[in-house]
Protein backbone atom coordinates (compact mmCIF):
# COMPACT_ATOMS: atom_id res chain seq x y z
CA MET A 1 39.11 -86.03 -96.89
CA GLY A 2 41.31 -84.57 -94.23
CA THR A 3 40.41 -83.81 -90.59
CA ASN A 4 42.13 -81.38 -88.29
CA PHE A 5 42.24 -83.23 -84.96
CA LEU A 6 43.62 -80.15 -83.30
CA ASN A 7 40.12 -78.65 -83.42
CA PHE A 8 39.07 -81.17 -80.75
CA ASN A 9 42.15 -80.90 -78.57
CA PHE A 10 40.51 -79.43 -75.46
CA ASN A 11 39.22 -80.53 -72.06
CA LYS A 12 35.60 -81.57 -72.44
CA PHE A 13 34.92 -81.39 -68.69
CA ASP A 14 34.23 -78.04 -67.08
CA ILE A 15 33.83 -78.48 -63.29
CA LYS A 16 33.02 -75.70 -60.84
CA LEU A 17 32.44 -75.77 -57.10
CA SER A 18 28.94 -74.70 -56.06
CA ASN A 19 28.24 -72.88 -52.82
CA TYR A 20 24.50 -73.38 -53.15
CA GLN A 21 23.86 -75.67 -50.21
CA TYR A 22 26.64 -77.50 -48.36
CA TRP A 23 29.79 -75.46 -49.02
CA ASP A 24 31.09 -74.41 -45.61
CA PHE A 25 34.85 -74.18 -44.98
CA TYR A 26 37.58 -72.12 -43.38
CA LEU A 27 41.30 -71.92 -44.21
CA HIS A 28 43.70 -72.11 -41.25
CA PRO A 29 47.39 -72.94 -40.80
CA TRP A 30 47.94 -76.61 -40.07
CA ASP A 31 49.74 -77.73 -36.94
CA SER A 32 51.71 -80.88 -37.75
CA THR A 33 51.82 -81.89 -34.07
CA ASP A 34 48.05 -82.00 -33.81
CA ASN A 35 45.51 -83.25 -36.33
CA ASN A 36 43.48 -80.08 -35.94
CA PRO A 37 43.77 -76.60 -37.40
CA ASP A 38 45.83 -74.21 -35.32
CA PHE A 39 43.30 -71.87 -33.71
CA ASP A 40 42.22 -70.76 -30.28
CA ASN A 41 40.23 -73.78 -29.14
CA THR A 42 38.66 -72.13 -26.11
CA VAL A 43 35.08 -71.07 -26.77
CA ASP A 44 34.48 -68.31 -24.23
CA CYS A 45 30.81 -67.71 -25.03
CA ASN A 46 29.51 -70.96 -23.51
CA TYR A 47 26.78 -69.47 -21.30
CA ILE A 48 24.89 -72.68 -20.43
CA TYR A 49 26.46 -76.10 -19.97
CA TYR A 50 24.93 -79.31 -18.63
CA ASP A 51 26.83 -82.60 -18.42
CA PHE A 52 24.75 -85.31 -16.78
CA ASN A 53 27.89 -87.21 -15.80
CA GLU A 54 28.97 -84.32 -13.54
CA THR A 55 27.80 -84.35 -9.91
CA PHE A 56 27.57 -80.55 -9.83
CA ASN A 57 25.01 -80.71 -12.64
CA TYR A 58 22.32 -81.68 -10.12
CA ILE A 59 20.63 -79.74 -7.33
CA GLY A 60 20.19 -82.23 -4.53
CA SER A 61 20.18 -85.95 -5.30
CA ILE A 62 21.23 -87.41 -8.64
CA SER A 63 17.89 -88.50 -10.03
CA GLY A 64 15.40 -87.80 -12.79
CA ASN A 65 13.39 -85.67 -10.34
CA SER A 66 16.27 -83.27 -9.61
CA ASP A 67 16.60 -79.75 -10.91
CA ILE A 68 19.76 -79.16 -12.92
CA VAL A 69 22.13 -76.18 -12.79
CA SER A 70 24.51 -74.95 -15.46
CA LEU A 71 28.23 -75.57 -14.98
CA THR A 72 29.03 -72.23 -16.67
CA SER A 73 27.51 -68.73 -16.73
CA TRP A 74 27.54 -65.47 -18.68
CA THR A 75 29.90 -62.81 -17.35
CA GLY A 76 27.30 -60.14 -18.05
CA ALA A 77 24.56 -61.82 -15.99
CA THR A 78 22.74 -59.76 -13.35
CA ASN A 79 20.91 -60.99 -10.27
CA SER A 80 20.50 -58.89 -7.16
CA GLY A 81 18.37 -61.60 -5.55
CA ILE A 82 14.72 -62.07 -6.43
CA THR A 83 11.66 -63.42 -4.66
CA LEU A 84 8.75 -64.21 -6.95
CA THR A 85 5.63 -63.93 -4.80
CA ASN A 86 3.08 -64.64 -7.55
CA ILE A 87 4.85 -67.67 -9.00
CA GLY A 88 2.05 -69.99 -7.82
CA LEU A 89 -0.25 -68.55 -10.48
CA THR A 90 1.83 -70.15 -13.26
CA GLY A 91 4.52 -72.27 -11.58
CA LEU A 92 2.18 -75.15 -10.76
CA ASP A 93 1.53 -75.69 -14.46
CA ASN A 94 4.96 -77.08 -15.37
CA GLY A 95 6.17 -78.42 -12.03
CA LEU A 96 8.36 -75.47 -11.04
CA ILE A 97 6.21 -75.30 -7.90
CA THR A 98 5.39 -78.79 -6.65
CA PHE A 99 1.93 -79.68 -5.44
CA ASN A 100 0.72 -82.99 -4.05
CA LYS A 101 -2.97 -83.12 -3.32
CA ASN A 102 -4.06 -84.15 0.14
CA THR A 103 -6.82 -86.74 -0.28
CA GLY A 104 -8.69 -85.33 2.74
CA ASP A 105 -8.76 -81.79 1.38
CA THR A 106 -12.20 -81.91 -0.27
CA SER A 107 -12.43 -78.11 -0.56
CA ASN A 108 -8.96 -77.87 -2.17
CA LEU A 109 -7.74 -75.26 0.27
CA GLN A 110 -4.22 -76.62 -0.19
CA LEU A 111 -4.42 -75.89 -3.93
CA LEU A 112 -5.74 -72.42 -3.15
CA GLN A 113 -2.77 -71.80 -0.85
CA SER A 114 -0.31 -73.05 -3.51
CA LEU A 115 -1.79 -70.77 -6.15
CA THR A 116 -1.73 -67.67 -3.94
CA GLY A 117 0.93 -68.32 -1.31
CA SER A 118 3.87 -69.88 -3.15
CA THR A 119 7.22 -68.10 -3.49
CA TYR A 120 10.33 -68.82 -5.55
CA ILE A 121 13.66 -67.41 -4.38
CA ILE A 122 16.88 -67.09 -6.39
CA SER A 123 19.71 -65.91 -4.16
CA SER A 124 21.74 -62.87 -5.10
CA GLY A 125 24.72 -63.69 -7.30
CA THR A 126 23.28 -66.93 -8.66
CA THR A 127 23.88 -66.54 -12.39
CA GLN A 128 23.74 -70.15 -13.63
CA MET A 129 20.75 -71.33 -15.66
CA ILE A 130 18.48 -73.59 -13.60
CA MET A 131 16.02 -76.00 -15.20
CA ASN A 132 13.40 -78.22 -13.62
CA PRO A 133 12.04 -81.53 -14.89
CA ILE A 134 8.55 -81.00 -16.25
CA THR A 135 5.53 -82.44 -14.45
CA GLY A 136 1.78 -81.83 -14.57
CA LEU A 137 -1.28 -81.88 -12.31
CA THR A 138 -4.06 -83.23 -14.51
CA ASN A 139 -2.94 -86.89 -14.50
CA ASN A 140 -3.48 -86.90 -18.26
CA PHE A 141 0.23 -87.20 -19.09
CA ILE A 142 3.43 -88.67 -17.68
CA TYR A 143 6.95 -87.23 -18.03
CA PRO A 144 9.46 -90.03 -17.28
CA ILE A 145 13.14 -89.13 -16.81
CA GLU A 146 15.69 -91.55 -15.41
CA ILE A 147 19.39 -90.96 -14.72
CA ILE A 148 21.16 -94.14 -15.80
CA SER A 149 24.74 -95.32 -16.03
CA GLY A 150 25.79 -95.99 -19.62
CA THR A 151 28.94 -96.40 -21.65
CA THR A 152 29.68 -92.66 -21.42
CA GLY A 153 28.94 -92.33 -17.72
CA LEU A 154 25.69 -90.97 -16.30
CA GLU A 155 23.09 -89.92 -18.84
CA SER A 156 19.52 -88.67 -18.75
CA LYS A 157 17.15 -91.21 -20.28
CA LEU A 158 14.13 -89.34 -21.64
CA CYS A 159 10.94 -91.33 -22.18
CA GLY A 160 8.49 -88.43 -22.31
CA GLY A 161 10.06 -85.97 -19.89
CA PHE A 162 12.23 -82.92 -20.49
CA TYR A 163 13.78 -79.93 -18.70
CA GLN A 164 12.66 -76.30 -18.73
CA GLY A 165 13.77 -73.00 -17.19
CA PHE A 166 13.64 -69.20 -17.54
CA TYR A 167 16.60 -66.87 -18.01
CA LYS A 168 14.98 -63.45 -17.51
CA ILE A 169 12.22 -61.92 -15.38
CA ASP A 170 10.34 -58.80 -16.48
CA GLU A 171 10.80 -55.69 -14.32
CA ARG A 172 13.26 -57.50 -12.04
CA ASP A 173 17.04 -57.43 -11.82
CA TYR A 174 17.43 -60.94 -13.16
CA GLN A 175 18.88 -61.90 -16.55
CA ILE A 176 21.45 -64.65 -16.96
CA ILE A 177 21.92 -64.81 -20.74
CA PRO A 178 21.46 -62.11 -23.39
CA ASN A 179 18.14 -61.93 -25.16
CA ARG A 180 19.80 -60.94 -28.44
CA PHE A 181 23.26 -61.49 -29.91
CA ASN A 182 25.67 -59.40 -31.98
CA LYS A 183 26.05 -61.90 -34.81
CA GLY A 184 24.66 -65.30 -33.91
CA TRP A 185 24.30 -68.10 -31.38
CA ALA A 186 24.49 -71.89 -31.30
CA VAL A 187 23.44 -74.96 -29.34
CA GLU A 188 25.39 -78.20 -29.03
CA PHE A 189 23.87 -81.52 -27.95
CA TRP A 190 25.34 -84.95 -27.38
CA LEU A 191 22.34 -87.24 -27.65
CA LYS A 192 21.29 -90.72 -28.69
CA LYS A 193 17.99 -91.20 -30.49
CA ASP A 194 16.53 -94.40 -29.06
CA ASP A 195 12.87 -95.38 -29.19
CA SER A 196 13.30 -98.36 -26.86
CA CYS A 197 11.43 -96.86 -23.90
CA SER A 198 9.23 -99.59 -22.46
CA GLY A 199 7.20 -100.33 -19.38
CA PHE A 200 5.04 -97.21 -19.64
CA THR A 201 1.36 -97.64 -20.35
CA GLU A 202 0.33 -94.07 -19.51
CA THR A 203 0.05 -91.26 -22.06
CA THR A 204 2.93 -88.96 -23.01
CA LEU A 205 2.71 -85.74 -25.00
CA ASN A 206 3.97 -87.61 -28.06
CA ASP A 207 0.99 -89.97 -27.88
CA ASN A 208 -1.51 -87.14 -28.14
CA TYR A 209 0.60 -84.90 -30.39
CA PRO A 210 2.57 -87.29 -32.65
CA ASP A 211 3.48 -84.56 -35.14
CA ASN A 212 5.62 -82.97 -32.40
CA ASN A 213 7.57 -86.15 -31.64
CA GLY A 214 11.32 -85.53 -31.55
CA ILE A 215 11.46 -81.88 -30.42
CA PHE A 216 14.75 -81.63 -28.51
CA PHE A 217 15.11 -77.86 -28.04
CA TYR A 218 12.68 -74.98 -27.55
CA MET A 219 13.11 -71.27 -26.86
CA GLY A 220 10.53 -68.51 -26.35
CA THR A 221 7.43 -68.26 -24.18
CA ARG A 222 6.59 -71.55 -22.51
CA ALA A 223 2.85 -70.84 -22.51
CA GLU A 224 0.20 -68.50 -23.78
CA ASN A 225 -1.17 -65.85 -21.43
CA LYS A 226 -3.05 -67.93 -18.88
CA PHE A 227 -5.32 -64.99 -18.05
CA TRP A 228 -6.24 -64.06 -21.61
CA ASN A 229 -9.95 -64.59 -20.86
CA ARG A 230 -12.38 -64.19 -17.97
CA PHE A 231 -12.75 -67.61 -16.38
CA GLU A 232 -15.75 -67.81 -14.09
CA GLY A 233 -14.91 -71.28 -12.84
CA ASN A 234 -16.22 -74.75 -13.47
CA ASN A 235 -18.92 -74.22 -10.85
CA THR A 236 -20.41 -71.46 -8.71
CA GLY A 237 -18.05 -71.89 -5.79
CA GLU A 238 -19.35 -75.28 -4.60
CA THR A 239 -16.77 -78.03 -5.04
CA SER A 240 -19.40 -80.75 -4.86
CA THR A 241 -20.86 -79.70 -8.21
CA CYS A 242 -17.62 -79.03 -10.08
CA ILE A 243 -17.77 -79.57 -13.85
CA ILE A 244 -14.80 -81.10 -15.62
CA PRO A 245 -13.72 -79.44 -18.90
CA SER A 246 -14.60 -81.48 -21.97
CA GLY A 247 -11.76 -83.51 -23.43
CA THR A 248 -10.00 -84.31 -20.15
CA THR A 249 -9.69 -87.84 -18.80
CA GLY A 250 -7.48 -87.77 -15.72
CA LEU A 251 -9.37 -85.33 -13.50
CA SER A 252 -11.72 -86.58 -10.82
CA ILE A 253 -14.92 -84.63 -10.19
CA THR A 254 -13.73 -82.51 -7.26
CA GLN A 255 -9.97 -82.86 -7.66
CA PHE A 256 -9.08 -79.24 -8.45
CA CYS A 257 -12.22 -77.20 -7.77
CA THR A 258 -11.91 -74.44 -5.18
CA PRO A 259 -14.58 -72.41 -3.35
CA ILE A 260 -13.06 -69.24 -4.87
CA LYS A 261 -13.16 -68.42 -8.55
CA GLU A 262 -10.43 -66.78 -10.63
CA THR A 263 -12.60 -63.66 -10.96
CA ASP A 264 -12.56 -63.26 -7.15
CA ILE A 265 -8.76 -63.01 -6.89
CA PHE A 266 -6.71 -59.83 -6.43
CA ILE A 267 -2.90 -59.69 -6.31
CA GLU A 268 -0.28 -57.02 -5.69
CA ASN A 269 1.88 -56.34 -8.74
CA ASN A 270 5.49 -55.15 -8.89
CA ASP A 271 4.38 -51.51 -8.62
CA GLY A 272 2.47 -52.16 -5.40
CA ASN A 273 -0.93 -51.81 -7.09
CA ILE A 274 -3.78 -54.24 -6.51
CA ILE A 275 -4.90 -55.84 -9.79
CA THR A 276 -7.29 -58.58 -10.82
CA LEU A 277 -6.51 -61.73 -12.80
CA ASN A 278 -9.04 -60.73 -15.45
CA PRO A 279 -8.07 -58.97 -18.65
CA PRO A 280 -7.44 -55.28 -17.86
CA ASN A 281 -10.55 -53.36 -16.84
CA ILE A 282 -11.44 -50.69 -19.36
CA VAL A 283 -12.70 -47.45 -17.78
CA TRP A 284 -12.41 -44.11 -19.58
CA LYS A 285 -13.99 -40.71 -20.08
CA THR A 286 -15.27 -39.21 -23.29
CA ILE A 287 -12.76 -36.54 -24.31
CA ASN A 288 -12.21 -34.17 -27.19
CA ASN A 289 -8.67 -35.22 -28.00
CA LYS A 290 -8.33 -35.96 -31.69
CA PHE A 291 -4.63 -36.74 -31.54
CA LEU A 292 -2.58 -39.35 -29.70
CA LEU A 293 -0.29 -37.11 -27.67
CA TYR A 294 1.84 -38.97 -25.16
CA ASN A 295 4.16 -37.39 -22.60
CA ARG A 296 3.16 -33.88 -23.65
CA THR A 297 1.50 -33.11 -20.35
CA LYS A 298 3.02 -31.92 -17.10
CA ASP A 299 2.78 -35.30 -15.35
CA GLY A 300 3.62 -37.41 -18.40
CA LEU A 301 0.13 -38.86 -18.74
CA LEU A 302 -1.70 -39.13 -22.01
CA ALA A 303 -2.95 -35.70 -23.09
CA GLY A 304 -6.69 -35.50 -22.53
CA CYS A 305 -6.83 -38.44 -20.10
CA GLY A 306 -7.33 -37.50 -16.50
CA SER A 307 -6.49 -39.64 -13.51
CA GLY A 308 -9.05 -38.33 -11.04
CA ASP A 309 -11.96 -40.61 -11.61
CA THR A 310 -10.57 -43.79 -13.13
CA ASN A 311 -10.27 -45.82 -9.95
CA LEU A 312 -12.70 -48.71 -9.77
CA SER A 313 -14.14 -49.71 -6.37
CA ILE A 314 -15.06 -53.37 -5.96
CA THR A 315 -16.43 -55.21 -2.94
CA VAL A 316 -15.75 -58.96 -2.70
CA SER A 317 -16.82 -61.02 0.30
CA GLY A 318 -17.40 -57.85 2.29
CA ILE A 319 -13.88 -56.52 1.62
CA SER A 320 -13.59 -53.27 -0.34
CA GLN A 321 -10.85 -53.16 -2.99
CA THR A 322 -9.77 -50.19 -5.10
CA ILE A 323 -8.34 -50.94 -8.51
CA ASN A 324 -6.18 -48.24 -10.06
CA ASN A 325 -7.08 -48.11 -13.74
CA ASP A 326 -4.89 -45.17 -14.77
CA ASN A 327 -3.62 -45.88 -18.26
CA LYS A 328 -0.15 -44.42 -18.70
CA PHE A 329 0.60 -46.31 -21.90
CA LEU A 330 -0.70 -46.31 -25.43
CA LEU A 331 -2.45 -49.67 -25.49
CA TYR A 332 -3.99 -50.45 -28.86
CA ASN A 333 -6.07 -53.53 -29.63
CA ARG A 334 -6.65 -54.32 -25.97
CA THR A 335 -10.27 -53.15 -25.87
CA LYS A 336 -13.38 -54.84 -27.13
CA ASP A 337 -13.60 -52.75 -30.29
CA GLY A 338 -9.89 -52.08 -30.76
CA LEU A 339 -9.96 -48.44 -29.58
CA LEU A 340 -7.26 -46.91 -27.47
CA ALA A 341 -7.57 -48.06 -23.87
CA GLY A 342 -7.92 -45.10 -21.51
CA CYS A 343 -9.19 -42.52 -24.04
CA GLY A 344 -11.90 -41.93 -26.57
CA SER A 345 -15.61 -42.56 -26.57
CA GLY A 346 -15.64 -46.23 -27.51
CA ASN A 347 -17.41 -49.21 -26.01
CA THR A 348 -17.06 -49.24 -22.22
CA GLU A 349 -18.14 -52.85 -21.65
CA PRO A 350 -15.70 -54.98 -19.64
CA LEU A 351 -12.97 -56.61 -21.71
CA LEU A 352 -13.69 -60.35 -21.72
CA GLU A 353 -10.53 -61.57 -23.45
CA LEU A 354 -7.20 -60.57 -24.95
CA ASN A 355 -5.72 -61.76 -28.22
CA TYR A 356 -3.12 -64.16 -26.80
CA LYS A 357 -1.78 -64.90 -30.30
CA ASN A 358 0.03 -61.55 -30.31
CA ASP A 359 2.42 -63.02 -27.73
CA LEU A 360 3.38 -65.99 -29.92
CA VAL A 361 4.63 -64.21 -33.05
CA ASN A 362 8.40 -64.74 -33.36
CA ASN A 363 8.39 -65.97 -29.76
CA ALA A 364 8.51 -69.75 -30.26
CA LEU A 365 11.36 -71.70 -31.90
CA ALA A 366 11.98 -75.46 -31.77
CA PHE A 367 14.52 -77.90 -33.20
CA ARG A 368 13.30 -81.40 -34.01
CA ILE A 369 14.47 -84.84 -35.15
CA THR A 370 11.65 -86.61 -36.96
CA PRO A 371 10.89 -90.37 -36.75
CA ASP A 372 12.57 -90.84 -40.17
CA CYS A 373 15.70 -89.11 -38.79
CA ARG A 374 15.42 -85.75 -40.54
CA ILE A 375 16.53 -82.68 -38.62
CA GLY A 376 15.01 -79.22 -38.81
CA TYR A 377 13.15 -76.43 -37.09
CA ARG A 378 9.69 -74.99 -36.44
CA ASN A 379 8.63 -71.46 -35.46
CA ILE A 380 5.63 -69.12 -35.36
CA LEU A 381 5.46 -66.08 -37.64
CA LEU A 382 2.89 -63.44 -38.50
CA SER A 383 0.72 -64.59 -41.39
CA ALA A 384 0.50 -62.55 -44.57
CA ASN A 385 -3.25 -61.97 -44.32
CA CYS A 386 -3.33 -60.60 -40.78
CA GLU A 387 -4.23 -57.13 -42.09
CA THR A 388 -7.73 -58.35 -42.95
CA THR A 389 -8.58 -58.97 -39.29
CA PRO A 390 -7.16 -56.04 -37.30
CA VAL A 391 -8.41 -57.25 -33.91
CA GLU A 392 -7.03 -60.74 -34.48
CA THR A 393 -3.47 -61.80 -35.13
CA GLY A 394 -2.99 -64.14 -38.04
CA ILE A 395 -0.16 -66.56 -37.29
CA THR A 396 1.46 -69.29 -39.33
CA ILE A 397 3.58 -72.29 -38.37
CA ASN A 398 6.78 -72.37 -40.40
CA GLU A 399 9.13 -75.39 -40.59
CA SER A 400 11.85 -76.99 -42.70
CA TYR A 401 13.75 -80.30 -42.52
CA SER A 402 16.74 -82.04 -44.04
CA GLU A 403 16.72 -85.21 -46.08
CA PRO A 404 15.85 -88.41 -44.14
CA ASN A 405 18.35 -90.52 -42.20
CA VAL A 406 20.88 -87.79 -41.39
CA VAL A 407 20.67 -88.54 -37.64
CA PRO A 408 21.65 -92.14 -36.80
CA ASN A 409 19.54 -94.33 -34.52
CA ASN A 410 20.93 -95.80 -31.30
CA VAL A 411 24.31 -94.08 -31.70
CA TRP A 412 25.72 -91.19 -29.69
CA THR A 413 25.68 -88.14 -31.93
CA GLN A 414 26.91 -84.57 -31.78
CA VAL A 415 24.17 -82.20 -32.97
CA VAL A 416 25.05 -78.53 -33.44
CA VAL A 417 22.64 -75.87 -34.68
CA ARG A 418 23.94 -72.39 -35.53
CA TYR A 419 21.90 -69.27 -36.15
CA VAL A 420 23.90 -66.68 -38.11
CA SER A 421 22.43 -63.22 -38.72
CA GLU A 422 23.01 -61.46 -42.02
CA TYR A 423 24.34 -58.34 -40.24
CA THR A 424 26.49 -57.82 -37.17
CA PHE A 425 24.90 -55.38 -34.72
CA ASN A 426 26.62 -53.48 -31.94
CA ASP A 427 25.02 -53.30 -28.50
CA CYS A 428 23.15 -50.09 -29.31
CA GLU A 429 21.73 -51.54 -32.52
CA LEU A 430 20.63 -54.66 -30.66
CA LYS A 431 18.40 -52.48 -28.48
CA ASN A 432 16.83 -50.48 -31.25
CA LYS A 433 16.89 -52.25 -34.59
CA PRO A 434 14.24 -54.74 -35.77
CA PRO A 435 14.85 -58.49 -36.26
CA ARG A 436 17.35 -59.48 -38.93
CA ASN A 437 17.17 -62.31 -41.38
CA GLY A 438 19.72 -65.05 -41.08
CA LYS A 439 20.30 -68.74 -41.64
CA LEU A 440 20.11 -71.91 -39.58
CA LEU A 441 22.85 -74.47 -40.12
CA PHE A 442 22.51 -78.03 -38.81
CA TYR A 443 25.64 -80.16 -38.19
CA ILE A 444 25.82 -83.85 -37.38
CA ASN A 445 29.18 -85.04 -35.98
CA GLY A 446 30.90 -81.95 -37.34
CA LYS A 447 29.43 -82.18 -40.85
CA LEU A 448 26.94 -79.74 -42.31
CA LYS A 449 23.71 -81.56 -43.20
CA HIS A 450 21.06 -78.88 -43.68
CA ILE A 451 20.80 -75.12 -44.25
CA GLU A 452 17.70 -72.97 -44.05
CA ARG A 453 18.09 -69.41 -45.32
CA ASP A 454 15.97 -66.31 -44.71
CA VAL A 455 15.05 -67.28 -41.15
CA LEU A 456 13.82 -64.33 -39.09
CA GLU A 457 15.87 -63.70 -35.96
CA ILE A 458 13.98 -64.79 -32.87
CA ILE A 459 13.88 -62.16 -30.13
CA PRO A 460 12.00 -63.66 -27.17
CA LYS A 461 9.66 -61.11 -25.62
CA SER A 462 7.41 -60.51 -22.64
CA LEU A 463 3.69 -61.12 -22.88
CA GLU A 464 1.15 -58.32 -23.35
CA GLU A 465 0.12 -58.63 -19.73
CA ASP A 466 1.13 -57.38 -16.30
CA PRO A 467 4.44 -59.21 -15.59
CA SER A 468 3.27 -60.06 -12.07
CA LYS A 469 0.69 -62.42 -13.59
CA GLN A 470 3.25 -64.16 -15.83
CA GLU A 471 6.29 -64.83 -13.63
CA GLY A 472 8.55 -67.42 -15.23
CA VAL A 473 6.47 -67.74 -18.42
CA PRO A 474 8.32 -65.69 -21.08
CA PHE A 475 12.07 -65.99 -21.80
CA ASN A 476 12.09 -69.76 -21.44
CA MET A 477 14.25 -72.56 -22.76
CA SER A 478 13.64 -76.34 -22.90
CA ILE A 479 16.04 -79.21 -23.60
CA GLY A 480 14.85 -82.70 -24.42
CA GLY A 481 11.42 -81.43 -25.38
CA GLY A 482 9.24 -78.51 -26.42
CA THR A 483 6.64 -77.02 -24.13
CA GLN A 484 3.27 -77.87 -22.60
CA GLY A 485 1.59 -74.57 -23.30
CA LEU A 486 -1.53 -74.48 -21.10
CA ILE A 487 -2.51 -78.16 -21.39
CA GLU A 488 -1.57 -78.74 -17.71
CA SER A 489 -2.65 -75.29 -16.57
CA MET A 490 -4.53 -75.18 -13.28
CA THR A 491 -6.31 -72.14 -11.93
CA PHE A 492 -8.88 -71.27 -9.28
CA ASP A 493 -11.95 -73.49 -9.43
CA GLY A 494 -10.49 -76.04 -11.81
CA GLN A 495 -9.04 -76.05 -15.29
CA ASP A 496 -10.20 -73.56 -17.90
CA GLY A 497 -11.44 -75.58 -20.86
CA GLU A 498 -10.64 -72.70 -23.24
CA ASP A 499 -6.93 -73.06 -22.36
CA LEU A 500 -6.78 -76.54 -23.87
CA ASN A 501 -5.44 -77.30 -27.36
CA LEU A 502 -4.09 -73.85 -28.15
CA GLU A 503 -1.22 -73.18 -30.55
CA LEU A 504 1.78 -74.02 -28.37
CA ILE A 505 0.63 -77.47 -27.26
CA ASN A 506 -0.61 -78.33 -30.74
CA ASN A 507 2.68 -77.41 -32.43
CA PHE A 508 5.38 -77.66 -29.74
CA GLY A 509 3.96 -80.15 -27.23
CA GLY A 510 6.31 -83.06 -27.85
CA THR A 511 9.51 -84.62 -26.58
CA PHE A 512 12.72 -86.27 -27.70
CA ILE A 513 12.88 -90.00 -26.93
CA GLY A 514 16.37 -91.23 -26.14
CA SER A 515 19.35 -90.26 -24.00
CA LEU A 516 20.88 -86.86 -23.36
CA SER A 517 24.47 -86.53 -22.18
CA GLN A 518 25.54 -82.92 -22.75
CA PHE A 519 23.99 -79.58 -23.71
CA LYS A 520 25.72 -76.26 -24.36
CA PHE A 521 24.35 -72.87 -25.37
CA TYR A 522 26.80 -70.48 -27.02
CA GLY A 523 26.14 -66.75 -27.27
CA CYS A 524 28.33 -66.41 -30.34
CA ASP A 525 28.49 -67.80 -33.85
CA LEU A 526 30.57 -70.98 -33.77
CA ASN A 527 32.52 -71.45 -36.99
CA TYR A 528 33.19 -74.72 -38.75
CA CYS A 529 36.55 -75.23 -37.02
CA ASP A 530 35.00 -74.67 -33.58
CA ILE A 531 32.39 -77.32 -34.30
CA THR A 532 34.81 -79.92 -35.62
CA HIS A 533 37.18 -79.28 -32.75
CA LEU A 534 34.39 -79.81 -30.22
CA PHE A 535 33.59 -83.07 -31.96
CA GLU A 536 37.24 -84.17 -31.83
CA LEU A 537 37.40 -83.41 -28.11
CA ASN A 538 34.45 -85.68 -27.31
CA LYS A 539 34.41 -88.41 -29.94
CA VAL A 540 36.49 -90.88 -27.91
CA ARG A 541 34.16 -90.54 -24.93
CA TYR A 542 31.22 -91.47 -27.15
CA GLY A 543 32.93 -94.27 -29.06
CA LEU A 544 33.15 -92.44 -32.39
CA LYS A 545 35.99 -92.23 -34.88
C-alpha cells in the first residue's frame, strides 16, 4: 500500500494577530542615536501639572495643609478676576473656606458669619488650576496628608486625605481648562500604592466606605445640590435644644446650631435678585395657553405668562423682602407634580424638594486601584427604567476593572488613563452635539493593561440650581481621592440629616493610600509613543528600568 506524503506537506500552524484587547501600536522611524522613536516629544496640551518636589507647586509653606497650584496652564483659559461672595454656603464643606470654632461662641455667630460673609478671590490673569487639601467640620473623619522627603525628592504621603479644586464657574468669566475635547484627554500619575499608614486611630472615608478604597482621580460635581430640600433646622432657633442628625458621632450638642434657620436666609444672586436658599418658589397664574411657546412674545417671556403679579412679598424678622419669581425659562420637572413652572393650572403648593439625582447623570467619573491591585473606573449613568418614574431620575453605577495585580505594591509606578472618543469633533460640534461613545485605556509603566469600550463621554455640567447657591461645586477635579459629597456639609442651624449617605459619598467617598509624586492632565489624546516616552523620561528618577 502506497502513501503520498506530499498530501501532508503543509504548515499545520495558522497564527494570526488579534486586536481584540491589548493590541496597541504605532509605526515610527527609528533614531539610532536614541532608544526612542523619532517623534516630537513635546506634549503641548499639558493643562494641569503638579510635581510635589517643586517649590512652586505650593501656595505658602511646603506642608500637607498647603494649597497647590499647577505649574502649567491652558492657553485658552479666561479669568477677568472673580470674587465669589456666596462661597461660604458650600466652601466650608470641603475646606476651601477654613473655619475654626471658637469655644466661647455658644450661639455659633462665627459659623453664621462664615456661611454668609465669606469671599473667595481669584486675581485677574490667574489661569493655573488651584486645589486645596480636603478637610471637614463634623469631626467624624480625618484627612491626613504629609509632605515627606523620599528617594525621588518631596512627595505627598496620603493617608486619607486628597486634593480638590474647580476649573470653571457658572455665569462668570472663569474657565481654566476646556469642558470638552476634540478627540480625547488623558491623565498621568506617578504614584506608589502603600498601605503602611500608621499612627491614626480616627476614622477615614475608607473606613466607612471600604468599597471606595483606592479612588485616585475624580471629575464632575463634587457634591449634590445642597439646597435640594427645605431644611427647617435641627431646632426652632434655640441652640440649647439643638438636635443632632441620626448617624453622626463627632458632633457635640450645640456645636453647629445657629439661631437662624436655612429657611430664613436670603442672598443676592449674580443677576442682582434676592433669592432664598429653598427650592425655587412656584407661583403662577391659570392661563389658556395650550402650547409651549417661548420667545414668541415682544419681551421674550413665555407666551401666556405675565410678569406683573408674580413677585412674592415675605417679611422675616420685621424686614420686608420681595422675591422676583418671573420664570423666563422652560423648567420641566421642577414642580411638585411635574408641570411647567411658571404656567398652567397645576398644584401651587410650595416646592419642598428638587430631584438632585438629575445633576449626577454623566457628571461623576472616578479612576480606582482596588486592594487586589486591579485598575478601572466608575461613573454614574441614567438607568434604563427611568421612563417608568417621570418625576424621579433612575441612575445606575457603572464600573469595570482589569485583572488583579496589574499595579505593583510599594513601587513607584506610572499610571496613564486615556479617554478616546469614537469621533473627532470641531469646536462648533463640541458646543452642539451630544456625548460620544469612546474607550478608556489604562497603562501601567507604558504598557496597556486594560481597555473598556463603549464608555459614554463625560461632559461635566452645572447643577439644576441658581449658580449663586452652588459656587465651586460643579466642574470639579480631585487627585488622590474621590469626593465627600454632602457628608461634611454644614448649613444654618446644624447639619441636614437628609444630606447624609447620598449617592456621591456612597460610591465616590474614598481615597488612595500611598504616595503621590506627579500629576498631569492632558487635553489631547496621548498616543502610545507619547506614553512610553514620558515613562522613559522619568523612569530613572523613580528607580525603574
